[in-house]
Amino acid sequence: MTRVVVLEKVYGPHRPEDFTPAFLTLCSGLSVRVRVTGTIGHGWLVLNVSGEDEEVAIRLLDEEIGLAPVEASRIKRFSTIRGKISSFGPEGIHVDIGVVEPHELTALVRPEVLRAQLADGQDVDVPALASLFCLADGFPLEVKLLDDPSAVEPGEPVDAELSEGQVRLFERWVRLGLDRLIVFGASHHAVKRAIGALGLHDRMVAIERLGLLENAVVLKLGTSPRKMTSALRRRLRNARVWAFRPWRIMRAFPGRYGPPSL
C-alpha cells in the first residue's frame, strides 16, 4: 500500500472521504483499491492506494490530477506546479503548492508579475485583477517557481510567475468571448444537478471541471451572468460564484487581448 497526496483540496462542509468514489471512478478498470483517508496541510487530500495495479494507478493520478510534492526538496527553481490560491492582497497572489515539510510553503506571484502577464504591464492593483480573472481562494492555478524552494526561510514564500499554460488558458477564455461562472465549493455533479433543477441547461454551453470543487459554467451568448449567478447562489448555498466577463478584460486591456472569435 502506498500513501499519496494529490493536488486537490477539500473545504467547506465537505468531508475528505466523500471523494473516494471520484478517485475510484478515475481508476476504474485497474486492479487497485483507492481510499481517501484524510488531509494534510490546508486540506490536501491523502489517499491510500493498493493492489496489483498500484504503480499504474499512481501514475494515472499524477497525470490526471497531480501529486503534491509534500517536501520542498522535491521541487526546484523553475519547476512548474499546479496549486490552489490561498489568499490575495496588495503583496500579490499566494498559491498553496502542497509543500508542508520541513515547513509549509506558498508561492507568491507579485503584483508586477501579474500586471506583466495579464494586464499588459498596466498599473492595476491586485484586487482589481483578482476580480477580473476570478482569482479567488481555491482557484486552481499553475505557477512556475522563480527561486529554489529549499532555500526559502520558514514563513517566507517562494517567488513565482504564472506558467505559460496558465496564461494561455486565460487568453483563450477571453478571446472566445463567452462569459463563465466560476463555482467554488461544489462538485461537478452538484453543479450539474443545480443547473438541471433550475431548468437552465439551454442557457449554457458546458460545465468545465477545474478541480474537484471548482467548476466553470460556460454561458451561451446573450445569457445574463447576473441572473445565472443569483440563481446558482440560491441553489448552492455553500458555494461561491464569481463571473468571468471577457468584455470587461478586453475593455480594461485593449492592447493585450484581441477581439472575441465569435
C-alpha atoms as a PDB file:
ATOM      1  CA  MET A   1       0.000   0.000   0.000  1.00  0.00           C
ATOM      2  CA  THR A   2       1.233   3.480  -0.894  1.00  0.00           C
ATOM      3  CA  ARG A   3       0.164   6.769   0.663  1.00  0.00           C
ATOM      4  CA  VAL A   4      -0.022   9.685  -1.761  1.00  0.00           C
ATOM      5  CA  VAL A   5      -1.150  13.291  -1.509  1.00  0.00           C
ATOM      6  CA  VAL A   6      -2.981  14.629  -4.556  1.00  0.00           C
ATOM      7  CA  LEU A   7      -3.190  18.259  -5.616  1.00  0.00           C
ATOM      8  CA  GLU A   8      -6.848  18.596  -4.722  1.00  0.00           C
ATOM      9  CA  LYS A   9      -8.283  20.227  -1.621  1.00  0.00           C
ATOM     10  CA  VAL A  10     -11.395  19.715   0.441  1.00  0.00           C
ATOM     11  CA  TYR A  11     -13.006  22.679   2.182  1.00  0.00           C
ATOM     12  CA  GLY A  12     -16.342  23.964   3.409  1.00  0.00           C
ATOM     13  CA  PRO A  13     -18.819  21.350   4.656  1.00  0.00           C
ATOM     14  CA  HIS A  14     -17.303  18.580   2.525  1.00  0.00           C
ATOM     15  CA  ARG A  15     -15.609  15.581   4.160  1.00  0.00           C
ATOM     16  CA  PRO A  16     -12.446  14.015   2.692  1.00  0.00           C
ATOM     17  CA  GLU A  17     -13.994  10.544   2.460  1.00  0.00           C
ATOM     18  CA  ASP A  18     -16.811  11.921   0.292  1.00  0.00           C
ATOM     19  CA  PHE A  19     -14.348  11.991  -2.616  1.00  0.00           C
ATOM     20  CA  THR A  20     -13.306   8.331  -2.556  1.00  0.00           C
ATOM     21  CA  PRO A  21     -15.872   7.485  -5.312  1.00  0.00           C
ATOM     22  CA  ALA A  22     -14.369  10.123  -7.617  1.00  0.00           C
ATOM     23  CA  PHE A  23     -10.930   8.511  -7.400  1.00  0.00           C
ATOM     24  CA  LEU A  24     -12.366   5.009  -7.750  1.00  0.00           C
ATOM     25  CA  THR A  25     -14.061   6.150 -10.965  1.00  0.00           C
ATOM     26  CA  LEU A  26     -10.796   7.621 -12.245  1.00  0.00           C
ATOM     27  CA  CYS A  27      -9.034   4.307 -11.595  1.00  0.00           C
ATOM     28  CA  SER A  28     -11.857   2.103 -12.891  1.00  0.00           C
ATOM     29  CA  GLY A  29     -10.588  -0.804 -14.952  1.00  0.00           C
ATOM     30  CA  LEU A  30      -7.468  -1.168 -12.825  1.00  0.00           C
ATOM     31  CA  SER A  31      -6.944  -3.856 -10.211  1.00  0.00           C
ATOM     32  CA  VAL A  32      -6.482  -1.396  -7.387  1.00  0.00           C
ATOM     33  CA  ARG A  33      -8.090  -0.158  -4.186  1.00  0.00           C
ATOM     34  CA  VAL A  34      -8.192   3.608  -3.618  1.00  0.00           C
ATOM     35  CA  ARG A  35      -9.419   5.285  -0.454  1.00  0.00           C
ATOM     36  CA  VAL A  36      -9.290   8.880   0.779  1.00  0.00           C
ATOM     37  CA  THR A  37      -8.070   8.745   4.373  1.00  0.00           C
ATOM     38  CA  GLY A  38      -7.813  12.404   5.376  1.00  0.00           C
ATOM     39  CA  THR A  39      -5.934  15.615   4.655  1.00  0.00           C
ATOM     40  CA  ILE A  40      -2.614  17.307   5.326  1.00  0.00           C
ATOM     41  CA  GLY A  41      -1.680  20.971   5.315  1.00  0.00           C
ATOM     42  CA  HIS A  42      -4.614  23.170   4.393  1.00  0.00           C
ATOM     43  CA  GLY A  43      -6.928  20.496   3.051  1.00  0.00           C
ATOM     44  CA  TRP A  44      -4.818  18.498   0.563  1.00  0.00           C
ATOM     45  CA  LEU A  45      -6.342  15.033   0.129  1.00  0.00           C
ATOM     46  CA  VAL A  46      -4.415  11.964   1.313  1.00  0.00           C
ATOM     47  CA  LEU A  47      -5.080   8.653  -0.480  1.00  0.00           C
ATOM     48  CA  ASN A  48      -4.142   5.052   0.223  1.00  0.00           C
ATOM     49  CA  VAL A  49      -3.535   3.116  -2.990  1.00  0.00           C
ATOM     50  CA  SER A  50      -3.038  -0.647  -3.005  1.00  0.00           C
ATOM     51  CA  GLY A  51      -3.411  -3.619  -5.347  1.00  0.00           C
ATOM     52  CA  GLU A  52      -1.880  -5.283  -8.372  1.00  0.00           C
ATOM     53  CA  ASP A  53      -2.034  -2.105 -10.490  1.00  0.00           C
ATOM     54  CA  GLU A  54      -0.878   0.211  -7.713  1.00  0.00           C
ATOM     55  CA  GLU A  55       2.005   1.747  -9.684  1.00  0.00           C
ATOM     56  CA  VAL A  56      -0.164   2.307 -12.751  1.00  0.00           C
ATOM     57  CA  ALA A  57      -2.869   3.946 -10.622  1.00  0.00           C
ATOM     58  CA  ILE A  58      -0.357   6.306  -9.020  1.00  0.00           C
ATOM     59  CA  ARG A  59       0.977   7.333 -12.440  1.00  0.00           C
ATOM     60  CA  LEU A  60      -2.590   7.930 -13.579  1.00  0.00           C
ATOM     61  CA  LEU A  61      -3.325  10.081 -10.522  1.00  0.00           C
ATOM     62  CA  ASP A  62      -0.167  12.087 -11.209  1.00  0.00           C
ATOM     63  CA  GLU A  63      -1.052  12.618 -14.885  1.00  0.00           C
ATOM     64  CA  GLU A  64      -4.738  13.436 -14.396  1.00  0.00           C
ATOM     65  CA  ILE A  65      -4.664  15.370 -11.107  1.00  0.00           C
ATOM     66  CA  GLY A  66      -1.092  15.805  -9.931  1.00  0.00           C
ATOM     67  CA  LEU A  67       0.683  14.636  -6.816  1.00  0.00           C
ATOM     68  CA  ALA A  68       1.642  17.143  -4.155  1.00  0.00           C
ATOM     69  CA  PRO A  69       5.405  17.428  -3.637  1.00  0.00           C
ATOM     70  CA  VAL A  70       4.891  17.500   0.178  1.00  0.00           C
ATOM     71  CA  GLU A  71       8.633  18.098   0.707  1.00  0.00           C
ATOM     72  CA  ALA A  72      10.357  21.254  -0.543  1.00  0.00           C
ATOM     73  CA  SER A  73      13.348  19.175  -1.691  1.00  0.00           C
ATOM     74  CA  ARG A  74      11.196  17.512  -4.388  1.00  0.00           C
ATOM     75  CA  ILE A  75      10.800  20.709  -6.395  1.00  0.00           C
ATOM     76  CA  LYS A  76      13.420  23.056  -7.775  1.00  0.00           C
ATOM     77  CA  ARG A  77      13.824  26.519  -9.190  1.00  0.00           C
ATOM     78  CA  PHE A  78      11.843  26.805 -12.458  1.00  0.00           C
ATOM     79  CA  SER A  79       9.605  23.860 -11.534  1.00  0.00           C
ATOM     80  CA  THR A  80       6.053  24.193 -12.837  1.00  0.00           C
ATOM     81  CA  ILE A  81       3.376  23.087 -10.398  1.00  0.00           C
ATOM     82  CA  ARG A  82      -0.393  23.301 -10.050  1.00  0.00           C
ATOM     83  CA  GLY A  83      -1.654  24.715  -6.763  1.00  0.00           C
ATOM     84  CA  LYS A  84      -4.652  26.493  -5.292  1.00  0.00           C
ATOM     85  CA  ILE A  85      -4.900  30.180  -4.463  1.00  0.00           C
ATOM     86  CA  SER A  86      -4.814  30.560  -0.679  1.00  0.00           C
ATOM     87  CA  SER A  87      -5.058  34.366  -0.439  1.00  0.00           C
ATOM     88  CA  PHE A  88      -4.556  37.588  -2.361  1.00  0.00           C
ATOM     89  CA  GLY A  89      -3.806  41.141  -1.377  1.00  0.00           C
ATOM     90  CA  PRO A  90      -1.530  44.118  -2.099  1.00  0.00           C
ATOM     91  CA  GLU A  91       1.562  41.877  -1.962  1.00  0.00           C
ATOM     92  CA  GLY A  92       0.202  39.592  -4.709  1.00  0.00           C
ATOM     93  CA  ILE A  93      -1.402  36.174  -5.084  1.00  0.00           C
ATOM     94  CA  HIS A  94      -0.382  33.417  -2.645  1.00  0.00           C
ATOM     95  CA  VAL A  95      -0.657  29.904  -4.088  1.00  0.00           C
ATOM     96  CA  ASP A  96      -0.602  26.803  -1.880  1.00  0.00           C
ATOM     97  CA  ILE A  97       1.566  24.300  -3.794  1.00  0.00           C
ATOM     98  CA  GLY A  98       1.267  21.320  -1.444  1.00  0.00           C
ATOM     99  CA  VAL A  99       4.579  21.702   0.411  1.00  0.00           C
ATOM    100  CA  VAL A 100       4.322  21.049   4.166  1.00  0.00           C
ATOM    101  CA  GLU A 101       7.826  19.754   5.047  1.00  0.00           C
ATOM    102  CA  PRO A 102      10.127  20.876   6.571  1.00  0.00           C
ATOM    103  CA  HIS A 103       7.655  23.761   6.823  1.00  0.00           C
ATOM    104  CA  GLU A 104       4.602  24.957   4.913  1.00  0.00           C
ATOM    105  CA  LEU A 105       5.473  26.900   1.792  1.00  0.00           C
ATOM    106  CA  THR A 106       3.401  29.009  -0.592  1.00  0.00           C
ATOM    107  CA  ALA A 107       4.301  30.509  -3.959  1.00  0.00           C
ATOM    108  CA  LEU A 108       3.842  34.259  -4.356  1.00  0.00           C
ATOM    109  CA  VAL A 109       3.022  35.870  -7.697  1.00  0.00           C
ATOM    110  CA  ARG A 110       3.824  39.520  -7.076  1.00  0.00           C
ATOM    111  CA  PRO A 111       1.759  42.445  -8.469  1.00  0.00           C
ATOM    112  CA  GLU A 112       4.338  43.491 -11.062  1.00  0.00           C
ATOM    113  CA  VAL A 113       4.466  39.931 -12.398  1.00  0.00           C
ATOM    114  CA  LEU A 114       0.671  39.659 -12.597  1.00  0.00           C
ATOM    115  CA  ARG A 115       0.489  43.015 -14.393  1.00  0.00           C
ATOM    116  CA  ALA A 116       3.130  41.970 -16.924  1.00  0.00           C
ATOM    117  CA  GLN A 117       1.488  38.593 -17.621  1.00  0.00           C
ATOM    118  CA  LEU A 118      -2.201  39.523 -17.562  1.00  0.00           C
ATOM    119  CA  ALA A 119      -2.567  43.297 -17.859  1.00  0.00           C
ATOM    120  CA  ASP A 120      -0.041  44.400 -20.486  1.00  0.00           C
ATOM    121  CA  GLY A 121       2.021  45.997 -17.704  1.00  0.00           C
ATOM    122  CA  GLN A 122      -0.690  48.492 -16.789  1.00  0.00           C
ATOM    123  CA  ASP A 123      -0.805  49.889 -13.253  1.00  0.00           C
ATOM    124  CA  VAL A 124      -3.715  47.814 -11.921  1.00  0.00           C
ATOM    125  CA  ASP A 125      -3.969  46.723  -8.306  1.00  0.00           C
ATOM    126  CA  VAL A 126      -4.224  43.067  -7.302  1.00  0.00           C
ATOM    127  CA  PRO A 127      -7.864  43.170  -6.080  1.00  0.00           C
ATOM    128  CA  ALA A 128      -8.938  44.562  -9.469  1.00  0.00           C
ATOM    129  CA  LEU A 129      -7.046  41.833 -11.337  1.00  0.00           C
ATOM    130  CA  ALA A 130      -8.432  39.202  -8.972  1.00  0.00           C
ATOM    131  CA  SER A 131     -11.961  40.398  -9.683  1.00  0.00           C
ATOM    132  CA  LEU A 132     -11.473  40.409 -13.458  1.00  0.00           C
ATOM    133  CA  PHE A 133      -9.836  36.965 -13.641  1.00  0.00           C
ATOM    134  CA  CYS A 134     -11.762  35.303 -10.765  1.00  0.00           C
ATOM    135  CA  LEU A 135      -8.562  34.790  -8.775  1.00  0.00           C
ATOM    136  CA  ALA A 136     -10.385  33.823  -5.593  1.00  0.00           C
ATOM    137  CA  ASP A 137      -9.326  31.492  -2.794  1.00  0.00           C
ATOM    138  CA  GLY A 138      -9.422  27.934  -4.128  1.00  0.00           C
ATOM    139  CA  PHE A 139      -8.868  28.790  -7.804  1.00  0.00           C
ATOM    140  CA  PRO A 140      -6.552  26.153  -9.351  1.00  0.00           C
ATOM    141  CA  LEU A 141      -3.507  27.985 -10.665  1.00  0.00           C
ATOM    142  CA  GLU A 142      -0.379  26.644 -12.354  1.00  0.00           C
ATOM    143  CA  VAL A 143       2.778  28.551 -11.488  1.00  0.00           C
ATOM    144  CA  LYS A 144       6.473  28.466 -12.358  1.00  0.00           C
ATOM    145  CA  LEU A 145       8.823  28.861  -9.383  1.00  0.00           C
ATOM    146  CA  LEU A 146      11.482  31.566  -9.742  1.00  0.00           C
ATOM    147  CA  ASP A 147      13.581  30.636  -6.699  1.00  0.00           C
ATOM    148  CA  ASP A 148      14.847  27.464  -5.042  1.00  0.00           C
ATOM    149  CA  PRO A 149      12.136  26.377  -2.550  1.00  0.00           C
ATOM    150  CA  SER A 150      14.697  24.674  -0.306  1.00  0.00           C
ATOM    151  CA  ALA A 151      16.492  27.991   0.240  1.00  0.00           C
ATOM    152  CA  VAL A 152      13.404  29.867   1.442  1.00  0.00           C
ATOM    153  CA  GLU A 153      13.242  30.723   5.142  1.00  0.00           C
ATOM    154  CA  PRO A 154      10.298  29.451   7.233  1.00  0.00           C
ATOM    155  CA  GLY A 155       7.331  31.787   6.915  1.00  0.00           C
ATOM    156  CA  GLU A 156       8.566  33.292   3.653  1.00  0.00           C
ATOM    157  CA  PRO A 157       7.027  32.490   0.220  1.00  0.00           C
ATOM    158  CA  VAL A 158       8.882  31.425  -2.899  1.00  0.00           C
ATOM    159  CA  ASP A 159       8.610  33.889  -5.776  1.00  0.00           C
ATOM    160  CA  ALA A 160       6.720  32.611  -8.806  1.00  0.00           C
ATOM    161  CA  GLU A 161       5.016  33.595 -12.037  1.00  0.00           C
ATOM    162  CA  LEU A 162       2.029  32.147 -13.877  1.00  0.00           C
ATOM    163  CA  SER A 163       3.037  29.273 -16.137  1.00  0.00           C
ATOM    164  CA  GLU A 164       2.827  29.719 -19.903  1.00  0.00           C
ATOM    165  CA  GLY A 165      -0.053  27.256 -19.952  1.00  0.00           C
ATOM    166  CA  GLN A 166      -1.979  29.222 -17.346  1.00  0.00           C
ATOM    167  CA  VAL A 167      -1.547  32.480 -19.256  1.00  0.00           C
ATOM    168  CA  ARG A 168      -2.696  30.791 -22.481  1.00  0.00           C
ATOM    169  CA  LEU A 169      -5.777  29.446 -20.687  1.00  0.00           C
ATOM    170  CA  PHE A 170      -6.843  32.938 -19.622  1.00  0.00           C
ATOM    171  CA  GLU A 171      -6.120  34.245 -23.135  1.00  0.00           C
ATOM    172  CA  ARG A 172      -8.316  31.532 -24.632  1.00  0.00           C
ATOM    173  CA  TRP A 173     -11.154  32.308 -22.208  1.00  0.00           C
ATOM    174  CA  VAL A 174     -11.006  36.000 -23.072  1.00  0.00           C
ATOM    175  CA  ARG A 175     -10.722  35.618 -26.831  1.00  0.00           C
ATOM    176  CA  LEU A 176     -13.537  33.091 -27.040  1.00  0.00           C
ATOM    177  CA  GLY A 177     -15.780  35.854 -25.720  1.00  0.00           C
ATOM    178  CA  LEU A 178     -18.141  33.659 -23.663  1.00  0.00           C
ATOM    179  CA  ASP A 179     -18.995  34.508 -20.069  1.00  0.00           C
ATOM    180  CA  ARG A 180     -18.134  31.908 -17.455  1.00  0.00           C
ATOM    181  CA  LEU A 181     -19.400  31.434 -13.924  1.00  0.00           C
ATOM    182  CA  ILE A 182     -16.641  30.059 -11.699  1.00  0.00           C
ATOM    183  CA  VAL A 183     -18.210  27.988  -8.917  1.00  0.00           C
ATOM    184  CA  PHE A 184     -16.089  27.324  -5.817  1.00  0.00           C
ATOM    185  CA  GLY A 185     -17.068  24.742  -3.199  1.00  0.00           C
ATOM    186  CA  ALA A 186     -19.367  22.459  -5.230  1.00  0.00           C
ATOM    187  CA  SER A 187     -18.619  19.219  -7.069  1.00  0.00           C
ATOM    188  CA  HIS A 188     -19.182  18.836 -10.795  1.00  0.00           C
ATOM    189  CA  HIS A 189     -22.187  16.625 -10.053  1.00  0.00           C
ATOM    190  CA  ALA A 190     -23.664  19.187  -7.655  1.00  0.00           C
ATOM    191  CA  VAL A 191     -23.306  21.995 -10.212  1.00  0.00           C
ATOM    192  CA  LYS A 192     -24.822  19.843 -12.960  1.00  0.00           C
ATOM    193  CA  ARG A 193     -27.726  18.890 -10.681  1.00  0.00           C
ATOM    194  CA  ALA A 194     -28.323  22.540  -9.734  1.00  0.00           C
ATOM    195  CA  ILE A 195     -28.377  23.616 -13.389  1.00  0.00           C
ATOM    196  CA  GLY A 196     -30.924  20.872 -14.137  1.00  0.00           C
ATOM    197  CA  ALA A 197     -33.120  21.718 -11.152  1.00  0.00           C
ATOM    198  CA  LEU A 198     -33.157  25.370 -12.200  1.00  0.00           C
ATOM    199  CA  GLY A 199     -34.034  24.469 -15.796  1.00  0.00           C
ATOM    200  CA  LEU A 200     -31.057  26.387 -17.146  1.00  0.00           C
ATOM    201  CA  HIS A 201     -29.491  23.825 -19.495  1.00  0.00           C
ATOM    202  CA  ASP A 202     -30.495  25.898 -22.524  1.00  0.00           C
ATOM    203  CA  ARG A 203     -28.559  28.907 -21.146  1.00  0.00           C
ATOM    204  CA  MET A 204     -25.159  27.178 -21.032  1.00  0.00           C
ATOM    205  CA  VAL A 205     -22.637  25.566 -23.359  1.00  0.00           C
ATOM    206  CA  ALA A 206     -20.773  23.317 -20.931  1.00  0.00           C
ATOM    207  CA  ILE A 207     -19.636  22.759 -17.366  1.00  0.00           C
ATOM    208  CA  GLU A 208     -15.842  22.591 -17.281  1.00  0.00           C
ATOM    209  CA  ARG A 209     -14.049  20.842 -14.418  1.00  0.00           C
ATOM    210  CA  LEU A 210     -11.314  22.998 -12.935  1.00  0.00           C
ATOM    211  CA  GLY A 211     -10.902  20.864  -9.795  1.00  0.00           C
ATOM    212  CA  LEU A 212     -12.882  18.569  -7.506  1.00  0.00           C
ATOM    213  CA  LEU A 213     -14.700  21.555  -6.001  1.00  0.00           C
ATOM    214  CA  GLU A 214     -14.131  24.158  -8.723  1.00  0.00           C
ATOM    215  CA  ASN A 215     -16.087  24.311 -11.974  1.00  0.00           C
ATOM    216  CA  ALA A 216     -16.688  26.777 -14.788  1.00  0.00           C
ATOM    217  CA  VAL A 217     -20.177  27.106 -16.254  1.00  0.00           C
ATOM    218  CA  VAL A 218     -19.753  28.390 -19.820  1.00  0.00           C
ATOM    219  CA  LEU A 219     -22.742  30.521 -20.810  1.00  0.00           C
ATOM    220  CA  LYS A 220     -24.313  30.974 -24.222  1.00  0.00           C
ATOM    221  CA  LEU A 221     -24.172  34.373 -25.873  1.00  0.00           C
ATOM    222  CA  GLY A 222     -26.975  36.598 -24.635  1.00  0.00           C
ATOM    223  CA  THR A 223     -27.354  34.845 -21.272  1.00  0.00           C
ATOM    224  CA  SER A 224     -27.319  37.173 -18.271  1.00  0.00           C
ATOM    225  CA  PRO A 225     -24.433  36.214 -15.942  1.00  0.00           C
ATOM    226  CA  ARG A 226     -26.034  38.242 -13.150  1.00  0.00           C
ATOM    227  CA  LYS A 227     -29.267  36.236 -13.215  1.00  0.00           C
ATOM    228  CA  MET A 228     -27.435  32.921 -13.539  1.00  0.00           C
ATOM    229  CA  THR A 229     -25.109  33.833 -10.664  1.00  0.00           C
ATOM    230  CA  SER A 230     -28.040  34.745  -8.435  1.00  0.00           C
ATOM    231  CA  ALA A 231     -29.871  31.516  -9.273  1.00  0.00           C
ATOM    232  CA  LEU A 232     -26.832  29.316  -8.608  1.00  0.00           C
ATOM    233  CA  ARG A 233     -26.039  31.047  -5.329  1.00  0.00           C
ATOM    234  CA  ARG A 234     -29.574  30.383  -4.112  1.00  0.00           C
ATOM    235  CA  ARG A 235     -29.349  26.729  -5.122  1.00  0.00           C
ATOM    236  CA  LEU A 236     -25.761  26.079  -3.991  1.00  0.00           C
ATOM    237  CA  ARG A 237     -25.824  27.831  -0.635  1.00  0.00           C
ATOM    238  CA  ASN A 238     -22.372  26.654   0.469  1.00  0.00           C
ATOM    239  CA  ALA A 239     -20.699  27.635  -2.805  1.00  0.00           C
ATOM    240  CA  ARG A 240     -19.192  30.886  -4.058  1.00  0.00           C
ATOM    241  CA  VAL A 241     -19.904  32.032  -7.617  1.00  0.00           C
ATOM    242  CA  TRP A 242     -17.729  34.543  -9.485  1.00  0.00           C
ATOM    243  CA  ALA A 243     -18.349  35.830 -13.017  1.00  0.00           C
ATOM    244  CA  PHE A 244     -15.588  35.837 -15.638  1.00  0.00           C
ATOM    245  CA  ARG A 245     -16.575  38.528 -18.180  1.00  0.00           C
ATOM    246  CA  PRO A 246     -14.278  38.657 -21.257  1.00  0.00           C
ATOM    247  CA  TRP A 247     -15.580  42.019 -22.450  1.00  0.00           C
ATOM    248  CA  ARG A 248     -14.519  43.656 -19.200  1.00  0.00           C
ATOM    249  CA  ILE A 249     -10.992  42.334 -19.593  1.00  0.00           C
ATOM    250  CA  MET A 250     -10.798  43.410 -23.239  1.00  0.00           C
ATOM    251  CA  ARG A 251     -12.081  46.857 -22.320  1.00  0.00           C
ATOM    252  CA  ALA A 252      -9.548  47.170 -19.477  1.00  0.00           C
ATOM    253  CA  PHE A 253      -6.569  45.962 -21.570  1.00  0.00           C
ATOM    254  CA  PRO A 254      -7.345  46.577 -25.257  1.00  0.00           C
ATOM    255  CA  GLY A 255      -3.701  46.263 -26.238  1.00  0.00           C
ATOM    256  CA  ARG A 256      -3.312  42.855 -24.612  1.00  0.00           C
ATOM    257  CA  TYR A 257      -6.318  40.882 -25.863  1.00  0.00           C
ATOM    258  CA  GLY A 258      -7.760  40.665 -29.340  1.00  0.00           C
ATOM    259  CA  PRO A 259     -11.478  40.768 -30.211  1.00  0.00           C
ATOM    260  CA  PRO A 260     -13.625  37.714 -29.411  1.00  0.00           C
ATOM    261  CA  SER A 261     -13.527  34.949 -32.004  1.00  0.00           C
ATOM    262  CA  LEU A 262     -17.324  34.631 -32.194  1.00  0.00           C
END
